Amino acid sequence: QVQLVESGGGSVQAGGSLRLSCAASGDTISRNCIAWFRQTPGKEREGVAINTGGGTTYYADSVKGRFTISQDNAKNTVYLQMNSLQPEDTAMYYCAGAGIRAICYTGSRFSGSNYNSWGQGTQVTVSS
């Protein structure tokens, strides 16, 4: 089972950028479906972006055109580049791994229950 550690969160003003990192160990990211989720208190967890590792990416409608997910297999790390950040992007961001890569290609790819490995989260705060 892959272990995941996020980093890169912080506080920025609206319109700013951040890049989150998700460092994996215990397994290779290419064998897993790796996704970014976010959650704010009182709201449901939201799937943000997925990198299938096979050249296909998926994004929530709320972040399309602003966020980019990528990976570096040599570093066993997945990144989330976040541009044009808005206050509504404020959340705790989590990296999650599903041991079955096929999860990435299903209609339930953004269902958190499909992921069995979670990082500790990194906080992103965007001020107006």
Protein backbone atom coordinates (compact mmCIF):
# COMPACT_ATOMS: atom_id res chain seq x y z
CA GLN A 1 0.00 0.00 0.00
CA VAL A 2 1.38 3.34 -1.00
CA GLN A 3 2.11 5.97 1.66
CA LEU A 4 1.59 9.61 0.76
CA VAL A 5 2.90 12.88 2.17
CA GLU A 6 1.64 16.27 0.96
CA SER A 7 3.47 19.56 1.07
CA GLY A 8 3.37 22.99 -0.49
CA GLY A 9 0.27 24.50 1.06
CA GLY A 10 0.19 28.02 2.35
CA SER A 11 -1.56 31.37 2.28
CA VAL A 12 -1.87 33.44 -0.88
CA GLN A 13 -3.96 36.29 -2.16
CA ALA A 14 -6.63 35.80 -4.78
CA GLY A 15 -5.09 35.39 -8.20
CA GLY A 16 -1.96 33.81 -6.80
CA SER A 17 -0.48 30.37 -7.35
CA LEU A 18 0.70 27.41 -5.32
CA ARG A 19 2.14 24.05 -6.21
CA LEU A 20 1.31 21.11 -4.00
CA SER A 21 3.45 17.99 -3.90
CA CYS A 22 2.47 14.45 -2.99
CA ALA A 23 5.49 12.26 -2.30
CA ALA A 24 4.81 8.55 -2.43
CA SER A 25 6.63 5.65 -0.83
CA GLY A 26 5.99 1.96 -0.43
CA ASP A 27 4.80 1.61 -4.01
CA THR A 28 5.17 3.43 -7.29
CA ILE A 29 2.67 6.06 -8.34
CA SER A 30 2.47 4.46 -11.76
CA ARG A 31 0.82 1.41 -10.18
CA ASN A 32 -1.80 3.49 -8.40
CA CYS A 33 -4.59 5.88 -9.22
CA ILE A 34 -3.50 9.08 -7.46
CA ALA A 35 -5.98 11.86 -6.86
CA TRP A 36 -6.19 15.20 -5.11
CA PHE A 37 -9.17 15.93 -2.92
CA ARG A 38 -10.06 18.94 -0.82
CA GLN A 39 -12.33 19.55 2.12
CA THR A 40 -13.50 22.49 4.17
CA PRO A 41 -15.28 22.20 7.52
CA GLY A 42 -18.97 21.54 7.10
CA LYS A 43 -18.66 20.63 3.44
CA GLU A 44 -18.36 17.33 1.65
CA ARG A 45 -14.96 16.21 0.44
CA GLU A 46 -14.49 17.17 -3.21
CA GLY A 47 -12.41 15.38 -5.79
CA VAL A 48 -10.19 17.92 -7.53
CA ALA A 49 -7.88 16.21 -9.99
CA ILE A 50 -6.66 12.80 -11.08
CA ASN A 51 -3.63 11.72 -13.02
CA THR A 52 -4.08 8.23 -14.41
CA GLY A 53 -0.38 7.91 -15.11
CA GLY A 54 -1.23 6.94 -18.65
CA GLY A 55 -1.44 10.46 -19.99
CA THR A 56 -5.06 11.10 -19.03
CA THR A 57 -6.11 13.65 -16.45
CA TYR A 58 -9.49 14.49 -14.95
CA TYR A 59 -10.53 17.65 -13.17
CA ALA A 60 -13.48 18.89 -11.23
CA ASP A 61 -15.40 21.52 -13.17
CA SER A 62 -14.59 24.06 -10.47
CA VAL A 63 -10.85 23.91 -11.18
CA LYS A 64 -10.66 23.20 -14.91
CA GLY A 65 -8.37 25.61 -16.68
CA ARG A 66 -6.76 26.73 -13.41
CA PHE A 67 -5.29 23.57 -11.86
CA THR A 68 -2.89 21.12 -13.48
CA ILE A 69 -1.98 17.70 -12.14
CA SER A 70 1.30 16.11 -13.17
CA GLN A 71 3.73 13.50 -11.98
CA ASP A 72 7.43 12.77 -11.88
CA ASN A 73 7.95 9.03 -11.91
CA ALA A 74 11.64 9.36 -11.09
CA LYS A 75 10.74 11.22 -7.89
CA ASN A 76 7.62 9.13 -7.29
CA THR A 77 5.76 12.37 -6.75
CA VAL A 78 2.49 13.85 -7.98
CA TYR A 79 2.04 17.60 -8.23
CA LEU A 80 -0.93 19.93 -8.30
CA GLN A 81 -0.19 23.32 -9.83
CA MET A 82 -2.89 25.76 -8.79
CA ASN A 83 -3.17 29.07 -10.61
CA SER A 84 -5.67 31.91 -10.40
CA LEU A 85 -6.57 30.85 -6.89
CA GLN A 86 -9.80 32.15 -5.44
CA PRO A 87 -11.09 32.33 -1.86
CA GLU A 88 -13.41 29.41 -2.61
CA ASP A 89 -10.32 27.26 -3.18
CA THR A 90 -9.50 27.56 0.51
CA ALA A 91 -9.46 24.05 1.94
CA MET A 92 -7.37 21.24 3.29
CA TYR A 93 -5.95 19.43 0.30
CA TYR A 94 -5.35 15.69 0.45
CA CYS A 95 -3.51 13.32 -1.79
CA ALA A 96 -5.07 9.86 -2.07
CA GLY A 97 -4.06 6.61 -3.65
CA ALA A 98 -6.12 3.70 -4.90
CA GLY A 99 -4.20 0.48 -5.31
CA ILE A 100 -6.27 -0.37 -8.36
CA ARG A 101 -5.24 1.96 -11.15
CA ALA A 102 -8.41 1.15 -13.07
CA ILE A 103 -10.31 3.27 -10.55
CA CYS A 104 -9.02 6.29 -12.44
CA TYR A 105 -11.03 5.34 -15.49
CA THR A 106 -14.36 4.70 -13.82
CA GLY A 107 -17.26 7.02 -13.25
CA SER A 108 -16.58 6.85 -9.52
CA ARG A 109 -13.03 8.09 -9.82
CA PHE A 110 -13.76 11.01 -7.48
CA SER A 111 -15.39 8.87 -4.84
CA GLY A 112 -13.20 8.97 -1.77
CA SER A 113 -14.29 5.52 -0.66
CA ASN A 114 -12.33 4.03 -3.57
CA TYR A 115 -9.04 5.26 -2.12
CA ASN A 116 -7.29 3.35 0.64
CA SER A 117 -4.24 5.56 1.18
CA TRP A 118 -4.46 9.17 2.33
CA GLY A 119 -1.90 11.76 3.23
CA GLN A 120 -2.17 14.02 6.24
CA GLY A 121 -3.28 16.99 4.17
CA THR A 122 -1.87 20.43 3.49
CA GLN A 123 -3.80 23.64 4.12
CA VAL A 124 -4.41 26.15 1.35
CA THR A 125 -5.81 29.54 2.32
CA VAL A 126 -6.71 32.15 -0.29
CA SER A 127 -7.58 35.65 0.85
CA SER A 128 -9.51 38.20 -1.16
